[in-house]
Amino acid sequence: MPTIAIVDGVKIQLFALEHPPPHFHAVFAEYRAQIAIETLRVLNGSLPRTKLAAVISWAEKRQAELLRAWDDLAAKRAPGKIG
């Protein structure tokens, strides 16, 4: 479960052997959310409103990188950090 970025204190993580659709996990304190990469919709869980807004804003600009990281994990390659 590599942490590929930290956005406004929220850890952005991808897990190997995950189920579709491509998504990432956002972790902040006791909050956890799974966010679809292609639609940027919350699939499960929640984050505080301001943290979710920061994560979505960050992800909008990096969807291609996030999808590449998802594909890397599926191919058993370690994804790099995403700035």
N, C-alpha and C. Protein backbone atom coordinates (compact mmCIF):
# COMPACT_ATOMS: atom_id res chain seq x y z
N MET A 1 0.82 -1.18 0.00
CA MET A 1 0.00 0.00 0.00
C MET A 1 0.87 1.25 0.00
N PRO A 2 1.49 1.51 -1.11
CA PRO A 2 2.36 2.68 -1.16
C PRO A 2 1.59 3.99 -1.06
N THR A 3 2.17 4.90 -0.30
CA THR A 3 1.65 6.26 -0.27
C THR A 3 2.32 6.98 -1.44
N ILE A 4 1.52 7.40 -2.40
CA ILE A 4 2.08 8.02 -3.60
C ILE A 4 2.09 9.54 -3.52
N ALA A 5 1.37 10.09 -2.55
CA ALA A 5 1.34 11.55 -2.38
C ALA A 5 0.73 11.88 -1.02
N ILE A 6 0.97 13.09 -0.58
CA ILE A 6 0.28 13.64 0.59
C ILE A 6 -0.26 15.00 0.15
N VAL A 7 -1.56 15.15 0.27
CA VAL A 7 -2.26 16.35 -0.19
C VAL A 7 -2.95 16.99 1.01
N ASP A 8 -2.49 18.15 1.42
CA ASP A 8 -3.11 18.86 2.54
C ASP A 8 -3.26 17.95 3.77
N GLY A 9 -2.22 17.14 4.00
CA GLY A 9 -2.24 16.25 5.15
C GLY A 9 -2.96 14.92 4.93
N VAL A 10 -3.53 14.72 3.75
CA VAL A 10 -4.25 13.49 3.42
C VAL A 10 -3.31 12.57 2.64
N LYS A 11 -3.12 11.34 3.12
CA LYS A 11 -2.31 10.37 2.42
C LYS A 11 -3.10 9.81 1.25
N ILE A 12 -2.46 9.78 0.08
CA ILE A 12 -3.06 9.19 -1.11
C ILE A 12 -2.34 7.85 -1.31
N GLN A 13 -3.11 6.77 -1.28
CA GLN A 13 -2.52 5.44 -1.34
C GLN A 13 -3.20 4.60 -2.42
N LEU A 14 -2.40 3.69 -2.97
CA LEU A 14 -2.90 2.67 -3.89
C LEU A 14 -2.56 1.32 -3.30
N PHE A 15 -3.43 0.36 -3.48
CA PHE A 15 -3.22 -0.99 -2.97
C PHE A 15 -3.09 -1.96 -4.13
N ALA A 16 -2.16 -2.90 -4.00
CA ALA A 16 -2.00 -3.94 -5.00
C ALA A 16 -3.20 -4.89 -4.93
N LEU A 17 -3.48 -5.52 -6.06
CA LEU A 17 -4.55 -6.53 -6.15
C LEU A 17 -5.92 -5.97 -5.77
N GLU A 18 -6.19 -4.75 -6.18
CA GLU A 18 -7.47 -4.12 -5.88
C GLU A 18 -8.49 -4.45 -6.96
N HIS A 19 -9.72 -4.20 -6.66
CA HIS A 19 -10.85 -4.44 -7.55
C HIS A 19 -11.10 -3.21 -8.41
N PRO A 20 -11.67 -3.39 -9.61
CA PRO A 20 -12.08 -2.24 -10.41
C PRO A 20 -13.26 -1.54 -9.75
N PRO A 21 -13.57 -0.33 -10.08
CA PRO A 21 -12.87 0.53 -11.02
C PRO A 21 -11.57 1.06 -10.43
N PRO A 22 -10.67 1.54 -11.29
CA PRO A 22 -9.43 2.13 -10.77
C PRO A 22 -9.76 3.23 -9.75
N HIS A 23 -9.12 3.14 -8.60
CA HIS A 23 -9.40 4.10 -7.54
C HIS A 23 -8.19 4.25 -6.63
N PHE A 24 -8.22 5.28 -5.81
CA PHE A 24 -7.18 5.46 -4.80
C PHE A 24 -7.85 5.63 -3.46
N HIS A 25 -7.06 5.45 -2.43
CA HIS A 25 -7.53 5.61 -1.06
C HIS A 25 -6.98 6.92 -0.52
N ALA A 26 -7.82 7.68 0.14
CA ALA A 26 -7.42 8.93 0.79
C ALA A 26 -7.62 8.73 2.29
N VAL A 27 -6.56 8.94 3.06
CA VAL A 27 -6.58 8.66 4.50
C VAL A 27 -6.17 9.91 5.26
N PHE A 28 -7.05 10.32 6.17
CA PHE A 28 -6.78 11.48 7.02
C PHE A 28 -7.35 11.21 8.41
N ALA A 29 -6.45 11.13 9.40
CA ALA A 29 -6.86 10.83 10.78
C ALA A 29 -7.74 9.58 10.76
N GLU A 30 -8.96 9.67 11.30
CA GLU A 30 -9.84 8.50 11.34
C GLU A 30 -10.70 8.36 10.08
N TYR A 31 -10.51 9.24 9.12
CA TYR A 31 -11.31 9.23 7.89
C TYR A 31 -10.62 8.42 6.80
N ARG A 32 -11.42 7.71 6.02
CA ARG A 32 -10.94 6.92 4.90
C ARG A 32 -11.96 7.08 3.76
N ALA A 33 -11.45 7.26 2.56
CA ALA A 33 -12.34 7.32 1.40
C ALA A 33 -11.67 6.64 0.22
N GLN A 34 -12.46 5.94 -0.57
CA GLN A 34 -12.01 5.40 -1.85
C GLN A 34 -12.60 6.31 -2.93
N ILE A 35 -11.73 6.77 -3.82
CA ILE A 35 -12.15 7.72 -4.84
C ILE A 35 -11.81 7.16 -6.22
N ALA A 36 -12.81 7.10 -7.09
CA ALA A 36 -12.61 6.61 -8.45
C ALA A 36 -11.73 7.58 -9.22
N ILE A 37 -10.74 7.06 -9.92
CA ILE A 37 -9.81 7.93 -10.65
C ILE A 37 -10.49 8.59 -11.84
N GLU A 38 -11.28 7.85 -12.58
CA GLU A 38 -11.85 8.40 -13.81
C GLU A 38 -12.96 9.41 -13.57
N THR A 39 -13.77 9.21 -12.52
CA THR A 39 -14.89 10.12 -12.27
C THR A 39 -14.64 11.06 -11.09
N LEU A 40 -13.65 10.73 -10.27
CA LEU A 40 -13.33 11.46 -9.04
C LEU A 40 -14.53 11.51 -8.08
N ARG A 41 -15.33 10.47 -8.12
CA ARG A 41 -16.44 10.33 -7.18
C ARG A 41 -16.01 9.45 -6.02
N VAL A 42 -16.54 9.74 -4.84
CA VAL A 42 -16.26 8.92 -3.67
C VAL A 42 -17.05 7.62 -3.80
N LEU A 43 -16.34 6.51 -3.77
CA LEU A 43 -16.97 5.19 -3.89
C LEU A 43 -17.40 4.67 -2.52
N ASN A 44 -16.57 4.89 -1.53
CA ASN A 44 -16.83 4.43 -0.16
C ASN A 44 -16.15 5.38 0.81
N GLY A 45 -16.72 5.48 1.99
CA GLY A 45 -16.10 6.27 3.05
C GLY A 45 -16.35 7.76 2.91
N SER A 46 -15.55 8.52 3.64
CA SER A 46 -15.72 9.97 3.63
C SER A 46 -14.44 10.65 4.13
N LEU A 47 -14.37 11.93 3.82
CA LEU A 47 -13.33 12.83 4.31
C LEU A 47 -14.03 14.12 4.72
N PRO A 48 -13.40 14.90 5.61
CA PRO A 48 -13.96 16.23 5.87
C PRO A 48 -14.06 17.02 4.56
N ARG A 49 -15.07 17.85 4.45
CA ARG A 49 -15.37 18.57 3.20
C ARG A 49 -14.16 19.31 2.63
N THR A 50 -13.43 20.03 3.45
CA THR A 50 -12.29 20.80 2.93
C THR A 50 -11.16 19.90 2.47
N LYS A 51 -10.95 18.79 3.16
CA LYS A 51 -9.91 17.84 2.75
C LYS A 51 -10.29 17.15 1.45
N LEU A 52 -11.56 16.77 1.32
CA LEU A 52 -12.03 16.14 0.08
C LEU A 52 -11.87 17.11 -1.09
N ALA A 53 -12.21 18.36 -0.90
CA ALA A 53 -12.07 19.35 -1.97
C ALA A 53 -10.61 19.47 -2.41
N ALA A 54 -9.68 19.47 -1.47
CA ALA A 54 -8.26 19.57 -1.80
C ALA A 54 -7.80 18.34 -2.58
N VAL A 55 -8.23 17.17 -2.15
CA VAL A 55 -7.85 15.92 -2.82
C VAL A 55 -8.41 15.88 -4.23
N ILE A 56 -9.67 16.23 -4.40
CA ILE A 56 -10.29 16.22 -5.74
C ILE A 56 -9.60 17.22 -6.65
N SER A 57 -9.31 18.40 -6.15
CA SER A 57 -8.61 19.42 -6.95
C SER A 57 -7.24 18.90 -7.39
N TRP A 58 -6.53 18.28 -6.48
CA TRP A 58 -5.21 17.70 -6.79
C TRP A 58 -5.35 16.60 -7.84
N ALA A 59 -6.31 15.70 -7.65
CA ALA A 59 -6.48 14.55 -8.54
C ALA A 59 -6.94 14.95 -9.94
N GLU A 60 -7.73 16.01 -10.05
CA GLU A 60 -8.19 16.47 -11.37
C GLU A 60 -7.02 16.73 -12.30
N LYS A 61 -5.95 17.25 -11.76
CA LYS A 61 -4.78 17.62 -12.56
C LYS A 61 -3.86 16.43 -12.80
N ARG A 62 -4.14 15.29 -12.16
CA ARG A 62 -3.22 14.17 -12.19
C ARG A 62 -3.89 12.84 -12.53
N GLN A 63 -5.03 12.90 -13.19
CA GLN A 63 -5.75 11.66 -13.48
C GLN A 63 -4.93 10.69 -14.32
N ALA A 64 -4.23 11.18 -15.32
CA ALA A 64 -3.41 10.30 -16.17
C ALA A 64 -2.31 9.64 -15.35
N GLU A 65 -1.68 10.40 -14.47
CA GLU A 65 -0.63 9.84 -13.62
C GLU A 65 -1.20 8.79 -12.66
N LEU A 66 -2.37 9.06 -12.11
CA LEU A 66 -3.01 8.12 -11.20
C LEU A 66 -3.37 6.82 -11.93
N LEU A 67 -3.87 6.93 -13.14
CA LEU A 67 -4.19 5.73 -13.92
C LEU A 67 -2.93 4.93 -14.26
N ARG A 68 -1.84 5.63 -14.58
CA ARG A 68 -0.57 4.94 -14.83
C ARG A 68 -0.11 4.20 -13.58
N ALA A 69 -0.23 4.84 -12.42
CA ALA A 69 0.16 4.21 -11.16
C ALA A 69 -0.70 2.98 -10.90
N TRP A 70 -2.01 3.07 -11.16
CA TRP A 70 -2.92 1.92 -11.00
C TRP A 70 -2.45 0.78 -11.91
N ASP A 71 -2.14 1.11 -13.18
CA ASP A 71 -1.68 0.09 -14.13
C ASP A 71 -0.35 -0.51 -13.69
N ASP A 72 0.54 0.31 -13.16
CA ASP A 72 1.82 -0.20 -12.66
C ASP A 72 1.60 -1.25 -11.58
N LEU A 73 0.72 -0.94 -10.63
CA LEU A 73 0.45 -1.92 -9.57
C LEU A 73 -0.16 -3.19 -10.13
N ALA A 74 -1.05 -3.07 -11.08
CA ALA A 74 -1.68 -4.24 -11.68
C ALA A 74 -0.63 -5.12 -12.37
N ALA A 75 0.43 -4.49 -12.90
CA ALA A 75 1.51 -5.21 -13.56
C ALA A 75 2.62 -5.59 -12.58
N LYS A 76 2.36 -5.41 -11.30
CA LYS A 76 3.30 -5.75 -10.23
C LYS A 76 4.58 -4.91 -10.28
N ARG A 77 4.41 -3.65 -10.72
CA ARG A 77 5.50 -2.68 -10.68
C ARG A 77 5.15 -1.65 -9.62
N ALA A 78 6.16 -1.18 -8.93
CA ALA A 78 5.93 -0.16 -7.89
C ALA A 78 5.63 1.17 -8.55
N PRO A 79 4.54 1.82 -8.15
CA PRO A 79 4.25 3.14 -8.70
C PRO A 79 5.17 4.18 -8.07
N GLY A 80 5.46 5.21 -8.81
CA GLY A 80 6.28 6.29 -8.27
C GLY A 80 5.43 7.29 -7.52
N LYS A 81 6.10 8.23 -6.90
CA LYS A 81 5.40 9.32 -6.22
C LYS A 81 4.76 10.23 -7.25
N ILE A 82 3.65 10.84 -6.88
CA ILE A 82 2.97 11.79 -7.75
C ILE A 82 2.95 13.12 -7.03
N GLY A 83 3.49 14.13 -7.67
CA GLY A 83 3.62 15.45 -7.04
C GLY A 83 2.39 16.28 -7.10
